[in-house]
N, C-alpha and C. Protein backbone atom coordinates (compact mmCIF):
# COMPACT_ATOMS: atom_id res chain seq x y z
N MET A 1 -13.04 1.18 -16.89
CA MET A 1 -12.09 1.44 -15.81
C MET A 1 -12.37 2.83 -15.25
N VAL A 2 -12.44 2.90 -13.93
CA VAL A 2 -12.63 4.16 -13.24
C VAL A 2 -11.28 4.88 -13.23
N ARG A 3 -11.33 6.20 -13.40
CA ARG A 3 -10.09 6.99 -13.41
C ARG A 3 -9.32 6.75 -12.11
N PRO A 4 -8.03 6.39 -12.21
CA PRO A 4 -7.25 6.08 -11.00
C PRO A 4 -6.99 7.30 -10.14
N ILE A 5 -6.70 7.04 -8.87
CA ILE A 5 -6.34 8.08 -7.91
C ILE A 5 -4.83 8.01 -7.74
N LEU A 6 -4.15 9.14 -7.84
CA LEU A 6 -2.70 9.20 -7.69
C LEU A 6 -2.35 10.05 -6.48
N ILE A 7 -1.57 9.49 -5.58
CA ILE A 7 -1.10 10.17 -4.37
C ILE A 7 0.42 10.03 -4.34
N GLU A 8 1.12 11.10 -3.98
CA GLU A 8 2.58 11.04 -3.87
C GLU A 8 3.04 11.71 -2.58
N ARG A 9 4.10 11.17 -2.03
CA ARG A 9 4.76 11.77 -0.87
C ARG A 9 6.26 11.62 -1.06
N THR A 10 7.00 12.62 -0.60
CA THR A 10 8.45 12.53 -0.58
C THR A 10 8.85 12.20 0.85
N ILE A 11 9.64 11.15 0.99
CA ILE A 11 10.02 10.63 2.31
C ILE A 11 11.53 10.74 2.47
N ALA A 12 11.97 11.27 3.60
CA ALA A 12 13.40 11.43 3.88
C ALA A 12 13.98 10.09 4.34
N ALA A 13 14.04 9.15 3.41
CA ALA A 13 14.61 7.82 3.66
C ALA A 13 14.96 7.23 2.29
N PRO A 14 15.95 6.35 2.24
CA PRO A 14 16.34 5.76 0.96
C PRO A 14 15.27 4.79 0.44
N PRO A 15 15.23 4.56 -0.88
CA PRO A 15 14.23 3.64 -1.45
C PRO A 15 14.23 2.26 -0.79
N GLU A 16 15.39 1.74 -0.42
CA GLU A 16 15.47 0.41 0.20
C GLU A 16 14.69 0.38 1.50
N ALA A 17 14.81 1.44 2.30
CA ALA A 17 14.10 1.51 3.57
C ALA A 17 12.60 1.69 3.36
N VAL A 18 12.23 2.55 2.41
CA VAL A 18 10.81 2.78 2.13
C VAL A 18 10.17 1.48 1.64
N PHE A 19 10.85 0.78 0.76
CA PHE A 19 10.32 -0.49 0.24
C PHE A 19 10.18 -1.52 1.36
N ALA A 20 11.21 -1.64 2.19
CA ALA A 20 11.19 -2.63 3.27
C ALA A 20 10.01 -2.40 4.21
N VAL A 21 9.79 -1.16 4.61
CA VAL A 21 8.71 -0.86 5.55
C VAL A 21 7.34 -0.93 4.86
N SER A 22 7.26 -0.43 3.64
CA SER A 22 5.94 -0.39 2.98
C SER A 22 5.47 -1.75 2.49
N THR A 23 6.35 -2.74 2.45
CA THR A 23 5.94 -4.10 2.08
C THR A 23 5.94 -5.05 3.27
N ASP A 24 6.20 -4.54 4.46
CA ASP A 24 6.20 -5.36 5.68
C ASP A 24 4.77 -5.46 6.21
N VAL A 25 3.97 -6.28 5.54
CA VAL A 25 2.54 -6.41 5.81
C VAL A 25 2.23 -6.60 7.30
N PRO A 26 2.94 -7.48 8.02
CA PRO A 26 2.59 -7.67 9.44
C PRO A 26 2.73 -6.40 10.29
N SER A 27 3.57 -5.46 9.88
CA SER A 27 3.77 -4.25 10.69
C SER A 27 2.78 -3.13 10.37
N TRP A 28 2.02 -3.26 9.30
CA TRP A 28 1.11 -2.18 8.91
C TRP A 28 0.18 -1.70 10.01
N PRO A 29 -0.44 -2.59 10.81
CA PRO A 29 -1.33 -2.08 11.85
C PRO A 29 -0.64 -1.19 12.89
N GLU A 30 0.66 -1.38 13.08
CA GLU A 30 1.42 -0.56 14.02
C GLU A 30 1.78 0.79 13.41
N ILE A 31 1.76 0.89 12.09
CA ILE A 31 2.22 2.09 11.39
C ILE A 31 1.06 2.94 10.88
N VAL A 32 0.06 2.30 10.31
CA VAL A 32 -1.06 3.00 9.67
C VAL A 32 -2.29 2.90 10.57
N PRO A 33 -2.72 4.02 11.16
CA PRO A 33 -3.84 3.98 12.11
C PRO A 33 -5.14 3.38 11.55
N ALA A 34 -5.41 3.52 10.28
CA ALA A 34 -6.66 3.01 9.70
C ALA A 34 -6.66 1.49 9.55
N ILE A 35 -5.48 0.87 9.58
CA ILE A 35 -5.39 -0.59 9.44
C ILE A 35 -5.47 -1.23 10.82
N ASP A 36 -6.50 -2.04 11.01
CA ASP A 36 -6.73 -2.69 12.30
C ASP A 36 -5.91 -3.96 12.46
N LYS A 37 -5.84 -4.76 11.38
CA LYS A 37 -5.05 -5.99 11.45
C LYS A 37 -4.74 -6.49 10.04
N THR A 38 -3.69 -7.33 9.98
CA THR A 38 -3.33 -8.00 8.73
C THR A 38 -3.08 -9.46 9.06
N GLU A 39 -3.26 -10.30 8.04
CA GLU A 39 -3.03 -11.73 8.22
C GLU A 39 -2.40 -12.27 6.94
N LEU A 40 -1.18 -12.77 7.03
CA LEU A 40 -0.55 -13.39 5.87
C LEU A 40 -1.24 -14.71 5.59
N LEU A 41 -1.53 -14.97 4.31
CA LEU A 41 -2.22 -16.20 3.91
C LEU A 41 -1.28 -17.17 3.21
N THR A 42 -0.08 -16.72 2.89
CA THR A 42 0.92 -17.57 2.25
C THR A 42 2.16 -17.62 3.14
N PRO A 43 2.85 -18.76 3.17
CA PRO A 43 4.05 -18.88 4.01
C PRO A 43 5.25 -18.18 3.38
N GLY A 44 6.25 -17.96 4.20
CA GLY A 44 7.51 -17.40 3.71
C GLY A 44 7.52 -15.89 3.75
N PRO A 45 8.63 -15.31 3.28
CA PRO A 45 8.75 -13.84 3.29
C PRO A 45 7.80 -13.21 2.27
N VAL A 46 7.46 -11.96 2.51
CA VAL A 46 6.60 -11.22 1.59
C VAL A 46 7.33 -11.04 0.27
N GLY A 47 6.63 -11.32 -0.83
CA GLY A 47 7.21 -11.17 -2.16
C GLY A 47 6.15 -11.43 -3.21
N LEU A 48 6.58 -11.61 -4.43
CA LEU A 48 5.68 -11.87 -5.54
C LEU A 48 4.78 -13.06 -5.20
N GLY A 49 3.46 -12.86 -5.33
CA GLY A 49 2.51 -13.92 -5.06
C GLY A 49 2.02 -14.00 -3.62
N THR A 50 2.63 -13.25 -2.72
CA THR A 50 2.16 -13.26 -1.33
C THR A 50 0.73 -12.76 -1.27
N ARG A 51 -0.11 -13.52 -0.55
CA ARG A 51 -1.50 -13.14 -0.34
C ARG A 51 -1.70 -12.82 1.14
N PHE A 52 -2.60 -11.87 1.40
CA PHE A 52 -2.86 -11.47 2.78
C PHE A 52 -4.25 -10.85 2.89
N ARG A 53 -4.74 -10.79 4.12
CA ARG A 53 -5.99 -10.08 4.42
C ARG A 53 -5.64 -8.83 5.20
N GLU A 54 -6.32 -7.77 4.85
CA GLU A 54 -6.17 -6.50 5.57
C GLU A 54 -7.54 -6.08 6.07
N THR A 55 -7.62 -5.77 7.35
CA THR A 55 -8.86 -5.25 7.93
C THR A 55 -8.58 -3.82 8.35
N ARG A 56 -9.44 -2.91 7.87
CA ARG A 56 -9.26 -1.50 8.19
C ARG A 56 -10.61 -0.87 8.46
N THR A 57 -10.58 0.30 9.03
CA THR A 57 -11.78 1.08 9.26
C THR A 57 -11.90 2.09 8.13
N MET A 58 -13.02 1.99 7.40
CA MET A 58 -13.29 2.91 6.28
C MET A 58 -14.68 3.49 6.46
N PHE A 59 -14.78 4.80 6.43
CA PHE A 59 -16.07 5.47 6.58
C PHE A 59 -16.78 4.99 7.85
N GLY A 60 -15.99 4.76 8.91
CA GLY A 60 -16.54 4.37 10.19
C GLY A 60 -16.94 2.90 10.31
N ARG A 61 -16.64 2.10 9.29
CA ARG A 61 -17.00 0.68 9.31
C ARG A 61 -15.77 -0.18 9.06
N GLU A 62 -15.81 -1.39 9.62
CA GLU A 62 -14.71 -2.33 9.40
C GLU A 62 -14.87 -2.99 8.03
N ALA A 63 -13.78 -3.05 7.28
CA ALA A 63 -13.77 -3.69 5.96
C ALA A 63 -12.55 -4.59 5.86
N THR A 64 -12.75 -5.82 5.40
CA THR A 64 -11.65 -6.77 5.23
C THR A 64 -11.56 -7.14 3.76
N GLU A 65 -10.37 -7.06 3.21
CA GLU A 65 -10.12 -7.42 1.82
C GLU A 65 -8.94 -8.37 1.74
N GLU A 66 -9.00 -9.29 0.80
CA GLU A 66 -7.89 -10.18 0.52
C GLU A 66 -7.12 -9.61 -0.67
N MET A 67 -5.81 -9.49 -0.52
CA MET A 67 -4.96 -8.90 -1.56
C MET A 67 -3.78 -9.80 -1.88
N GLU A 68 -3.14 -9.49 -3.01
CA GLU A 68 -1.99 -10.26 -3.45
C GLU A 68 -0.95 -9.32 -4.07
N PHE A 69 0.32 -9.63 -3.85
CA PHE A 69 1.40 -8.91 -4.52
C PHE A 69 1.49 -9.47 -5.94
N LEU A 70 1.05 -8.67 -6.92
CA LEU A 70 1.07 -9.09 -8.32
C LEU A 70 2.41 -8.82 -8.99
N GLU A 71 3.10 -7.82 -8.51
CA GLU A 71 4.45 -7.47 -8.99
C GLU A 71 5.25 -7.09 -7.76
N PHE A 72 6.56 -7.36 -7.80
CA PHE A 72 7.41 -7.13 -6.64
C PHE A 72 8.83 -6.90 -7.13
N GLU A 73 9.23 -5.66 -7.25
CA GLU A 73 10.57 -5.29 -7.70
C GLU A 73 11.24 -4.50 -6.58
N PRO A 74 12.04 -5.17 -5.73
CA PRO A 74 12.62 -4.52 -4.56
C PRO A 74 13.23 -3.14 -4.84
N SER A 75 12.88 -2.23 -3.94
CA SER A 75 13.35 -0.84 -3.94
C SER A 75 12.85 -0.01 -5.11
N THR A 76 12.01 -0.57 -5.98
CA THR A 76 11.57 0.13 -7.17
C THR A 76 10.06 0.26 -7.26
N ARG A 77 9.34 -0.88 -7.18
CA ARG A 77 7.88 -0.84 -7.30
C ARG A 77 7.27 -2.17 -6.86
N TYR A 78 6.00 -2.08 -6.51
CA TYR A 78 5.20 -3.28 -6.27
C TYR A 78 3.76 -2.96 -6.59
N VAL A 79 3.01 -4.01 -6.88
CA VAL A 79 1.60 -3.86 -7.25
C VAL A 79 0.77 -4.82 -6.40
N LEU A 80 -0.28 -4.28 -5.80
CA LEU A 80 -1.23 -5.07 -5.03
C LEU A 80 -2.51 -5.20 -5.84
N GLY A 81 -3.10 -6.39 -5.82
CA GLY A 81 -4.36 -6.61 -6.52
C GLY A 81 -5.38 -7.24 -5.61
N ALA A 82 -6.66 -6.98 -5.91
CA ALA A 82 -7.76 -7.57 -5.15
C ALA A 82 -8.99 -7.65 -6.04
N MET A 83 -9.85 -8.62 -5.73
CA MET A 83 -11.16 -8.74 -6.36
C MET A 83 -12.18 -8.64 -5.24
N SER A 84 -13.13 -7.71 -5.38
CA SER A 84 -14.12 -7.54 -4.33
C SER A 84 -15.35 -6.83 -4.87
N HIS A 85 -16.51 -7.30 -4.46
CA HIS A 85 -17.78 -6.65 -4.81
C HIS A 85 -17.90 -6.38 -6.31
N GLY A 86 -17.43 -7.32 -7.13
CA GLY A 86 -17.57 -7.19 -8.57
C GLY A 86 -16.57 -6.26 -9.23
N CYS A 87 -15.53 -5.87 -8.50
CA CYS A 87 -14.49 -4.98 -9.05
C CYS A 87 -13.11 -5.64 -8.94
N ARG A 88 -12.26 -5.30 -9.89
CA ARG A 88 -10.85 -5.68 -9.82
C ARG A 88 -10.10 -4.41 -9.40
N TYR A 89 -9.40 -4.50 -8.28
CA TYR A 89 -8.63 -3.37 -7.76
C TYR A 89 -7.15 -3.61 -8.01
N ARG A 90 -6.45 -2.55 -8.33
CA ARG A 90 -5.01 -2.64 -8.58
C ARG A 90 -4.39 -1.36 -8.03
N THR A 91 -3.42 -1.54 -7.14
CA THR A 91 -2.72 -0.39 -6.56
C THR A 91 -1.23 -0.56 -6.85
N THR A 92 -0.68 0.41 -7.55
CA THR A 92 0.73 0.39 -7.93
C THR A 92 1.50 1.39 -7.07
N PHE A 93 2.57 0.92 -6.46
CA PHE A 93 3.46 1.77 -5.68
C PHE A 93 4.79 1.88 -6.42
N ARG A 94 5.23 3.11 -6.68
CA ARG A 94 6.51 3.35 -7.33
C ARG A 94 7.41 4.13 -6.38
N LEU A 95 8.67 3.73 -6.30
CA LEU A 95 9.64 4.40 -5.46
C LEU A 95 10.70 5.00 -6.36
N THR A 96 10.88 6.30 -6.26
CA THR A 96 11.84 7.01 -7.10
C THR A 96 12.82 7.75 -6.21
N PRO A 97 14.13 7.49 -6.38
CA PRO A 97 15.11 8.25 -5.59
C PRO A 97 15.05 9.73 -5.98
N VAL A 98 15.03 10.59 -4.98
CA VAL A 98 15.06 12.04 -5.18
C VAL A 98 16.04 12.63 -4.18
N GLU A 99 16.39 13.88 -4.39
CA GLU A 99 17.29 14.58 -3.47
C GLU A 99 16.74 14.45 -2.05
N GLY A 100 17.51 13.87 -1.15
CA GLY A 100 17.12 13.77 0.25
C GLY A 100 16.19 12.62 0.59
N GLY A 101 15.94 11.71 -0.36
CA GLY A 101 15.08 10.59 0.01
C GLY A 101 14.44 9.89 -1.17
N THR A 102 13.14 9.62 -1.03
CA THR A 102 12.40 8.80 -1.99
C THR A 102 11.02 9.42 -2.23
N ARG A 103 10.62 9.48 -3.49
CA ARG A 103 9.24 9.83 -3.81
C ARG A 103 8.46 8.53 -3.90
N LEU A 104 7.45 8.38 -3.04
CA LEU A 104 6.58 7.21 -3.05
C LEU A 104 5.28 7.62 -3.73
N SER A 105 4.99 6.98 -4.86
CA SER A 105 3.76 7.26 -5.61
C SER A 105 2.84 6.06 -5.49
N MET A 106 1.57 6.35 -5.24
CA MET A 106 0.55 5.31 -5.12
C MET A 106 -0.55 5.61 -6.13
N GLU A 107 -0.81 4.65 -7.01
CA GLU A 107 -1.89 4.80 -7.99
C GLU A 107 -2.93 3.71 -7.73
N PHE A 108 -4.12 4.13 -7.31
CA PHE A 108 -5.19 3.21 -6.96
C PHE A 108 -6.24 3.23 -8.07
N GLY A 109 -6.52 2.05 -8.62
CA GLY A 109 -7.51 1.96 -9.68
C GLY A 109 -8.50 0.84 -9.44
N ALA A 110 -9.70 1.02 -9.98
CA ALA A 110 -10.74 0.01 -9.85
C ALA A 110 -11.39 -0.20 -11.22
N GLU A 111 -11.61 -1.45 -11.55
CA GLU A 111 -12.29 -1.81 -12.79
C GLU A 111 -13.57 -2.58 -12.44
N PRO A 112 -14.73 -1.93 -12.59
CA PRO A 112 -15.98 -2.64 -12.32
C PRO A 112 -16.23 -3.71 -13.38
N LEU A 113 -16.55 -4.94 -12.92
CA LEU A 113 -16.72 -6.06 -13.84
C LEU A 113 -18.17 -6.50 -13.97
N THR A 114 -18.97 -6.26 -12.95
CA THR A 114 -20.37 -6.69 -12.98
C THR A 114 -21.28 -5.48 -13.20
N PHE A 115 -22.51 -5.73 -13.61
CA PHE A 115 -23.47 -4.65 -13.81
C PHE A 115 -23.62 -3.83 -12.53
N PHE A 116 -23.81 -4.53 -11.39
CA PHE A 116 -23.98 -3.84 -10.11
C PHE A 116 -22.76 -2.97 -9.79
N ALA A 117 -21.56 -3.51 -10.00
CA ALA A 117 -20.34 -2.75 -9.72
C ALA A 117 -20.24 -1.52 -10.62
N LYS A 118 -20.67 -1.64 -11.87
CA LYS A 118 -20.64 -0.49 -12.78
C LYS A 118 -21.60 0.60 -12.31
N VAL A 119 -22.79 0.19 -11.88
CA VAL A 119 -23.75 1.16 -11.36
C VAL A 119 -23.19 1.83 -10.10
N MET A 120 -22.62 1.02 -9.21
CA MET A 120 -22.07 1.56 -7.96
C MET A 120 -20.87 2.47 -8.20
N SER A 121 -20.08 2.19 -9.24
CA SER A 121 -18.92 3.05 -9.51
C SER A 121 -19.38 4.46 -9.88
N VAL A 122 -20.51 4.57 -10.57
CA VAL A 122 -21.06 5.88 -10.90
C VAL A 122 -21.59 6.55 -9.63
N ALA A 123 -22.30 5.77 -8.82
CA ALA A 123 -22.87 6.31 -7.58
C ALA A 123 -21.78 6.73 -6.58
N MET A 124 -20.64 6.04 -6.62
CA MET A 124 -19.55 6.32 -5.68
C MET A 124 -18.60 7.41 -6.16
N ALA A 125 -18.78 7.91 -7.37
CA ALA A 125 -17.88 8.93 -7.91
C ALA A 125 -17.67 10.11 -6.96
N PRO A 126 -18.72 10.59 -6.29
CA PRO A 126 -18.49 11.70 -5.35
C PRO A 126 -17.57 11.34 -4.18
N MET A 127 -17.39 10.05 -3.90
CA MET A 127 -16.53 9.61 -2.79
C MET A 127 -15.06 9.57 -3.19
N ARG A 128 -14.77 9.80 -4.45
CA ARG A 128 -13.40 9.73 -4.96
C ARG A 128 -12.43 10.60 -4.15
N LYS A 129 -12.84 11.82 -3.84
CA LYS A 129 -11.97 12.72 -3.08
C LYS A 129 -11.70 12.14 -1.69
N LYS A 130 -12.72 11.60 -1.03
CA LYS A 130 -12.54 11.02 0.31
C LYS A 130 -11.61 9.81 0.26
N ILE A 131 -11.74 8.98 -0.77
CA ILE A 131 -10.86 7.82 -0.92
C ILE A 131 -9.42 8.29 -1.10
N GLY A 132 -9.22 9.32 -1.91
CA GLY A 132 -7.89 9.89 -2.10
C GLY A 132 -7.31 10.41 -0.79
N GLU A 133 -8.15 11.05 0.01
CA GLU A 133 -7.69 11.56 1.31
C GLU A 133 -7.30 10.42 2.23
N MET A 134 -8.07 9.33 2.22
CA MET A 134 -7.73 8.16 3.05
C MET A 134 -6.40 7.56 2.61
N CYS A 135 -6.20 7.43 1.30
CA CYS A 135 -4.92 6.90 0.79
C CYS A 135 -3.78 7.83 1.20
N GLY A 136 -4.02 9.13 1.12
CA GLY A 136 -3.00 10.10 1.52
C GLY A 136 -2.63 9.97 2.99
N ARG A 137 -3.62 9.73 3.84
CA ARG A 137 -3.33 9.54 5.27
C ARG A 137 -2.49 8.29 5.50
N ASP A 138 -2.76 7.24 4.72
CA ASP A 138 -1.93 6.03 4.83
C ASP A 138 -0.48 6.34 4.50
N LEU A 139 -0.25 7.07 3.41
CA LEU A 139 1.12 7.42 3.03
C LEU A 139 1.75 8.38 4.04
N ASP A 140 0.95 9.30 4.58
CA ASP A 140 1.47 10.21 5.61
C ASP A 140 1.94 9.43 6.84
N ALA A 141 1.19 8.40 7.21
CA ALA A 141 1.58 7.58 8.37
C ALA A 141 2.88 6.83 8.08
N MET A 142 3.00 6.30 6.87
CA MET A 142 4.22 5.59 6.48
C MET A 142 5.41 6.56 6.50
N LYS A 143 5.21 7.75 5.95
CA LYS A 143 6.25 8.77 5.92
C LYS A 143 6.68 9.15 7.34
N ALA A 144 5.73 9.40 8.22
CA ALA A 144 6.04 9.78 9.60
C ALA A 144 6.82 8.67 10.30
N HIS A 145 6.41 7.44 10.08
CA HIS A 145 7.10 6.30 10.70
C HIS A 145 8.55 6.21 10.21
N LEU A 146 8.74 6.27 8.91
CA LEU A 146 10.09 6.16 8.35
C LEU A 146 10.98 7.32 8.78
N GLU A 147 10.45 8.52 8.75
CA GLU A 147 11.27 9.68 9.10
C GLU A 147 11.59 9.73 10.59
N ALA A 148 10.68 9.21 11.42
CA ALA A 148 10.95 9.15 12.86
C ALA A 148 12.07 8.16 13.17
N ARG A 149 12.15 7.11 12.37
CA ARG A 149 13.18 6.08 12.58
C ARG A 149 14.50 6.47 11.96
N GLY A 150 14.50 7.38 11.00
CA GLY A 150 15.74 7.82 10.38
C GLY A 150 16.50 6.68 9.74
N SER A 151 17.78 6.65 9.94
CA SER A 151 18.63 5.65 9.29
C SER A 151 18.43 4.25 9.86
N ALA A 152 17.68 4.12 10.94
CA ALA A 152 17.45 2.79 11.53
C ALA A 152 16.66 1.89 10.58
N THR A 153 16.00 2.49 9.56
CA THR A 153 15.22 1.69 8.62
C THR A 153 16.08 1.12 7.50
N GLN A 154 17.35 1.52 7.43
CA GLN A 154 18.20 1.00 6.37
C GLN A 154 18.63 -0.42 6.71
N PRO A 155 18.64 -1.31 5.72
CA PRO A 155 19.07 -2.69 5.98
C PRO A 155 20.52 -2.72 6.49
N ALA A 156 20.79 -3.62 7.40
CA ALA A 156 22.15 -3.80 7.89
C ALA A 156 23.02 -4.34 6.76
N ALA A 157 24.31 -4.13 6.86
CA ALA A 157 25.23 -4.62 5.84
C ALA A 157 25.03 -6.11 5.63
N GLY A 158 24.90 -6.51 4.38
CA GLY A 158 24.72 -7.92 4.04
C GLY A 158 23.30 -8.43 4.21
N GLN A 159 22.37 -7.53 4.56
CA GLN A 159 20.98 -7.93 4.79
C GLN A 159 20.11 -7.36 3.67
N SER A 160 19.22 -8.17 3.11
CA SER A 160 18.35 -7.68 2.05
C SER A 160 17.21 -6.88 2.65
N GLU A 161 16.49 -6.14 1.79
CA GLU A 161 15.35 -5.35 2.26
C GLU A 161 14.33 -6.23 2.96
N ALA A 162 14.08 -7.43 2.41
CA ALA A 162 13.07 -8.32 2.97
C ALA A 162 13.45 -8.79 4.38
N GLU A 163 14.76 -8.81 4.67
CA GLU A 163 15.23 -9.28 5.99
C GLU A 163 15.40 -8.15 6.97
N SER A 164 15.29 -6.90 6.50
CA SER A 164 15.54 -5.74 7.34
C SER A 164 14.55 -5.69 8.49
N PRO A 165 15.03 -5.40 9.70
CA PRO A 165 14.11 -5.26 10.83
C PRO A 165 13.25 -4.03 10.64
N THR A 166 11.96 -4.15 10.87
CA THR A 166 11.07 -2.99 10.72
C THR A 166 10.14 -2.85 11.87
């Protein structure tokens, strides 16, 4: 297992709002500049087991990955998983209430499974800092979006996070 990358941001919004926006897969391209498009592959609301494709620009090139929500605990945490190029990827998002908002923590990890992936993980080690910076920009975009919307991101009375307009 390659040492995971940990990124954290404190967002001036309640955990329910942060969770609702950060799991609203169809809205990601409007919020995160690096994400070009998303496509839900499973019907129904986003939740445990939801699969989707994300296309983003990385290092100046378009990359598309298929991901799945492996864990889904509203307002608390969720885990995204993917298999690609001989690696198992797992990204855990934790939401912690703090004074004035929510601490959003993102832990990105990769486990090389094939010989080629193991060799490439060593070769890619110098890119670790750049990958961390890209993840940080994603969280910065989410933070800016949520803080610009203020209390408008809070679910309406009687409405769950999954139903909240985003």
